Amino acid sequence: MLYLPHEEGQGLVEYALILVLVAVVVIAILALVGPAIGNVFSNIVQNI
């Protein structure tokens, strides 16, 4: 009990890495699908 490992920051680092990974995936998806979504909205505005 005298030598307990200090791992308080480990959970925070893991959550930060997960958030970074999710952010990168979302940015990649928006970069690929973004122009198509823009075209859909442009077509809707032109038809109105």
PDB file of N, CA and C in Angstrom:
ATOM      1  N   MET A   1       0.817  -1.196   0.000  1.00  0.00           N
ATOM      2  CA  MET A   1       0.000   0.000   0.000  1.00  0.00           C
ATOM      3  C   MET A   1       0.866   1.267   0.000  1.00  0.00           C
ATOM      4  N   LEU A   2       2.130   1.096   0.248  1.00  0.00           N
ATOM      5  CA  LEU A   2       2.993   2.265   0.323  1.00  0.00           C
ATOM      6  C   LEU A   2       3.310   2.826  -1.063  1.00  0.00           C
ATOM      7  N   TYR A   3       3.410   1.927  -2.066  1.00  0.00           N
ATOM      8  CA  TYR A   3       3.803   2.349  -3.402  1.00  0.00           C
ATOM      9  C   TYR A   3       2.625   2.190  -4.358  1.00  0.00           C
ATOM     10  N   LEU A   4       1.649   3.068  -4.254  1.00  0.00           N
ATOM     11  CA  LEU A   4       0.508   3.030  -5.165  1.00  0.00           C
ATOM     12  C   LEU A   4       0.881   3.757  -6.452  1.00  0.00           C
ATOM     13  N   PRO A   5       0.509   3.214  -7.590  1.00  0.00           N
ATOM     14  CA  PRO A   5       0.818   3.902  -8.858  1.00  0.00           C
ATOM     15  C   PRO A   5      -0.016   5.178  -8.992  1.00  0.00           C
ATOM     16  N   HIS A   6       0.595   6.198  -9.548  1.00  0.00           N
ATOM     17  CA  HIS A   6      -0.094   7.469  -9.749  1.00  0.00           C
ATOM     18  C   HIS A   6      -0.577   7.528 -11.193  1.00  0.00           C
ATOM     19  N   GLU A   7      -1.861   7.289 -11.400  1.00  0.00           N
ATOM     20  CA  GLU A   7      -2.420   7.253 -12.755  1.00  0.00           C
ATOM     21  C   GLU A   7      -3.622   8.184 -12.881  1.00  0.00           C
ATOM     22  N   GLU A   8      -3.590   9.315 -12.168  1.00  0.00           N
ATOM     23  CA  GLU A   8      -4.734  10.214 -12.232  1.00  0.00           C
ATOM     24  C   GLU A   8      -4.881  10.839 -13.611  1.00  0.00           C
ATOM     25  N   GLY A   9      -3.772  11.188 -14.244  1.00  0.00           N
ATOM     26  CA  GLY A   9      -3.818  11.869 -15.533  1.00  0.00           C
ATOM     27  C   GLY A   9      -4.030  10.947 -16.711  1.00  0.00           C
ATOM     28  N   GLN A  10      -3.900   9.658 -16.503  1.00  0.00           N
ATOM     29  CA  GLN A  10      -4.007   8.713 -17.609  1.00  0.00           C
ATOM     30  C   GLN A  10      -5.406   8.739 -18.222  1.00  0.00           C
ATOM     31  N   GLY A  11      -6.434   8.772 -17.415  1.00  0.00           N
ATOM     32  CA  GLY A  11      -7.802   8.790 -17.934  1.00  0.00           C
ATOM     33  C   GLY A  11      -8.078  10.036 -18.747  1.00  0.00           C
ATOM     34  N   LEU A  12      -7.563  11.168 -18.276  1.00  0.00           N
ATOM     35  CA  LEU A  12      -7.756  12.425 -18.988  1.00  0.00           C
ATOM     36  C   LEU A  12      -7.077  12.393 -20.347  1.00  0.00           C
ATOM     37  N   VAL A  13      -5.880  11.837 -20.404  1.00  0.00           N
ATOM     38  CA  VAL A  13      -5.161  11.738 -21.671  1.00  0.00           C
ATOM     39  C   VAL A  13      -5.905  10.817 -22.634  1.00  0.00           C
ATOM     40  N   GLU A  14      -6.437   9.731 -22.134  1.00  0.00           N
ATOM     41  CA  GLU A  14      -7.172   8.809 -23.000  1.00  0.00           C
ATOM     42  C   GLU A  14      -8.431   9.472 -23.563  1.00  0.00           C
ATOM     43  N   TYR A  15      -9.161  10.220 -22.724  1.00  0.00           N
ATOM     44  CA  TYR A  15     -10.348  10.927 -23.217  1.00  0.00           C
ATOM     45  C   TYR A  15      -9.960  11.978 -24.248  1.00  0.00           C
ATOM     46  N   ALA A  16      -8.856  12.656 -24.038  1.00  0.00           N
ATOM     47  CA  ALA A  16      -8.404  13.665 -24.995  1.00  0.00           C
ATOM     48  C   ALA A  16      -8.045  13.027 -26.328  1.00  0.00           C
ATOM     49  N   LEU A  17      -7.379  11.877 -26.293  1.00  0.00           N
ATOM     50  CA  LEU A  17      -7.036  11.185 -27.541  1.00  0.00           C
ATOM     51  C   LEU A  17      -8.282  10.732 -28.281  1.00  0.00           C
ATOM     52  N   ILE A  18      -9.284  10.255 -27.572  1.00  0.00           N
ATOM     53  CA  ILE A  18     -10.531   9.839 -28.206  1.00  0.00           C
ATOM     54  C   ILE A  18     -11.216  11.043 -28.846  1.00  0.00           C
ATOM     55  N   LEU A  19     -11.247  12.175 -28.144  1.00  0.00           N
ATOM     56  CA  LEU A  19     -11.865  13.379 -28.711  1.00  0.00           C
ATOM     57  C   LEU A  19     -11.134  13.854 -29.957  1.00  0.00           C
ATOM     58  N   VAL A  20      -9.816  13.785 -29.943  1.00  0.00           N
ATOM     59  CA  VAL A  20      -9.037  14.184 -31.121  1.00  0.00           C
ATOM     60  C   VAL A  20      -9.340  13.254 -32.289  1.00  0.00           C
ATOM     61  N   LEU A  21      -9.421  11.964 -32.037  1.00  0.00           N
ATOM     62  CA  LEU A  21      -9.726  11.010 -33.094  1.00  0.00           C
ATOM     63  C   LEU A  21     -11.105  11.264 -33.682  1.00  0.00           C
ATOM     64  N   VAL A  22     -12.092  11.502 -32.829  1.00  0.00           N
ATOM     65  CA  VAL A  22     -13.445  11.790 -33.305  1.00  0.00           C
ATOM     66  C   VAL A  22     -13.454  13.078 -34.125  1.00  0.00           C
ATOM     67  N   ALA A  23     -12.747  14.097 -33.673  1.00  0.00           N
ATOM     68  CA  ALA A  23     -12.695  15.361 -34.403  1.00  0.00           C
ATOM     69  C   ALA A  23     -12.063  15.184 -35.780  1.00  0.00           C
ATOM     70  N   VAL A  24     -11.000  14.405 -35.875  1.00  0.00           N
ATOM     71  CA  VAL A  24     -10.348  14.165 -37.163  1.00  0.00           C
ATOM     72  C   VAL A  24     -11.287  13.425 -38.110  1.00  0.00           C
ATOM     73  N   VAL A  25     -12.016  12.440 -37.602  1.00  0.00           N
ATOM     74  CA  VAL A  25     -12.956  11.688 -38.439  1.00  0.00           C
ATOM     75  C   VAL A  25     -14.077  12.597 -38.932  1.00  0.00           C
ATOM     76  N   VAL A  26     -14.614  13.437 -38.051  1.00  0.00           N
ATOM     77  CA  VAL A  26     -15.695  14.349 -38.453  1.00  0.00           C
ATOM     78  C   VAL A  26     -15.205  15.337 -39.503  1.00  0.00           C
ATOM     79  N   ILE A  27     -14.015  15.882 -39.324  1.00  0.00           N
ATOM     80  CA  ILE A  27     -13.464  16.823 -40.304  1.00  0.00           C
ATOM     81  C   ILE A  27     -13.252  16.139 -41.644  1.00  0.00           C
ATOM     82  N   ALA A  28     -12.758  14.908 -41.634  1.00  0.00           N
ATOM     83  CA  ALA A  28     -12.546  14.179 -42.889  1.00  0.00           C
ATOM     84  C   ALA A  28     -13.867  13.913 -43.599  1.00  0.00           C
ATOM     85  N   ILE A  29     -14.891  13.530 -42.852  1.00  0.00           N
ATOM     86  CA  ILE A  29     -16.195  13.260 -43.455  1.00  0.00           C
ATOM     87  C   ILE A  29     -16.779  14.541 -44.037  1.00  0.00           C
ATOM     88  N   LEU A  30     -16.679  15.647 -43.306  1.00  0.00           N
ATOM     89  CA  LEU A  30     -17.205  16.912 -43.817  1.00  0.00           C
ATOM     90  C   LEU A  30     -16.439  17.377 -45.050  1.00  0.00           C
ATOM     91  N   ALA A  31     -15.152  17.120 -45.090  1.00  0.00           N
ATOM     92  CA  ALA A  31     -14.362  17.512 -46.263  1.00  0.00           C
ATOM     93  C   ALA A  31     -14.783  16.712 -47.487  1.00  0.00           C
ATOM     94  N   LEU A  32     -15.154  15.458 -47.288  1.00  0.00           N
ATOM     95  CA  LEU A  32     -15.555  14.623 -48.420  1.00  0.00           C
ATOM     96  C   LEU A  32     -16.997  14.866 -48.846  1.00  0.00           C
ATOM     97  N   VAL A  33     -17.889  15.054 -47.887  1.00  0.00           N
ATOM     98  CA  VAL A  33     -19.319  15.138 -48.172  1.00  0.00           C
ATOM     99  C   VAL A  33     -19.787  16.589 -48.256  1.00  0.00           C
ATOM    100  N   GLY A  34     -19.007  17.534 -47.784  1.00  0.00           N
ATOM    101  CA  GLY A  34     -19.411  18.930 -47.741  1.00  0.00           C
ATOM    102  C   GLY A  34     -19.853  19.515 -49.062  1.00  0.00           C
ATOM    103  N   PRO A  35     -19.071  19.353 -50.127  1.00  0.00           N
ATOM    104  CA  PRO A  35     -19.501  19.914 -51.418  1.00  0.00           C
ATOM    105  C   PRO A  35     -20.829  19.329 -51.919  1.00  0.00           C
ATOM    106  N   ALA A  36     -21.066  18.072 -51.683  1.00  0.00           N
ATOM    107  CA  ALA A  36     -22.331  17.453 -52.115  1.00  0.00           C
ATOM    108  C   ALA A  36     -23.503  18.068 -51.359  1.00  0.00           C
ATOM    109  N   ILE A  37     -23.328  18.301 -50.059  1.00  0.00           N
ATOM    110  CA  ILE A  37     -24.390  18.922 -49.269  1.00  0.00           C
ATOM    111  C   ILE A  37     -24.618  20.357 -49.752  1.00  0.00           C
ATOM    112  N   GLY A  38     -23.550  21.068 -50.078  1.00  0.00           N
ATOM    113  CA  GLY A  38     -23.680  22.425 -50.609  1.00  0.00           C
ATOM    114  C   GLY A  38     -24.450  22.449 -51.912  1.00  0.00           C
ATOM    115  N   ASN A  39     -24.215  21.464 -52.763  1.00  0.00           N
ATOM    116  CA  ASN A  39     -24.938  21.386 -54.032  1.00  0.00           C
ATOM    117  C   ASN A  39     -26.424  21.136 -53.800  1.00  0.00           C
ATOM    118  N   VAL A  40     -26.760  20.318 -52.844  1.00  0.00           N
ATOM    119  CA  VAL A  40     -28.171  20.049 -52.539  1.00  0.00           C
ATOM    120  C   VAL A  40     -28.860  21.330 -52.116  1.00  0.00           C
ATOM    121  N   PHE A  41     -28.249  22.090 -51.222  1.00  0.00           N
ATOM    122  CA  PHE A  41     -28.858  23.345 -50.769  1.00  0.00           C
ATOM    123  C   PHE A  41     -28.934  24.363 -51.911  1.00  0.00           C
ATOM    124  N   SER A  42     -27.931  24.387 -52.779  1.00  0.00           N
ATOM    125  CA  SER A  42     -27.973  25.296 -53.918  1.00  0.00           C
ATOM    126  C   SER A  42     -29.129  24.949 -54.845  1.00  0.00           C
ATOM    127  N   ASN A  43     -29.347  23.665 -55.092  1.00  0.00           N
ATOM    128  CA  ASN A  43     -30.459  23.247 -55.940  1.00  0.00           C
ATOM    129  C   ASN A  43     -31.797  23.606 -55.311  1.00  0.00           C
ATOM    130  N   ILE A  44     -31.916  23.489 -54.013  1.00  0.00           N
ATOM    131  CA  ILE A  44     -33.161  23.834 -53.320  1.00  0.00           C
ATOM    132  C   ILE A  44     -33.422  25.336 -53.466  1.00  0.00           C
ATOM    133  N   VAL A  45     -32.389  26.147 -53.283  1.00  0.00           N
ATOM    134  CA  VAL A  45     -32.558  27.606 -53.390  1.00  0.00           C
ATOM    135  C   VAL A  45     -32.910  27.992 -54.807  1.00  0.00           C
ATOM    136  N   GLN A  46     -32.320  27.364 -55.815  1.00  0.00           N
ATOM    137  CA  GLN A  46     -32.604  27.691 -57.208  1.00  0.00           C
ATOM    138  C   GLN A  46     -34.022  27.299 -57.592  1.00  0.00           C
ATOM    139  N   ASN A  47     -34.547  26.240 -56.991  1.00  0.00           N
ATOM    140  CA  ASN A  47     -35.897  25.810 -57.326  1.00  0.00           C
ATOM    141  C   ASN A  47     -36.965  26.660 -56.640  1.00  0.00           C
ATOM    142  N   ILE A  48     -36.577  27.396 -55.631  1.00  0.00           N
ATOM    143  CA  ILE A  48     -37.553  28.236 -54.913  1.00  0.00           C
ATOM    144  C   ILE A  48     -37.760  29.497 -55.648  1.00  0.00           C
TER     145      ILE A  48
END
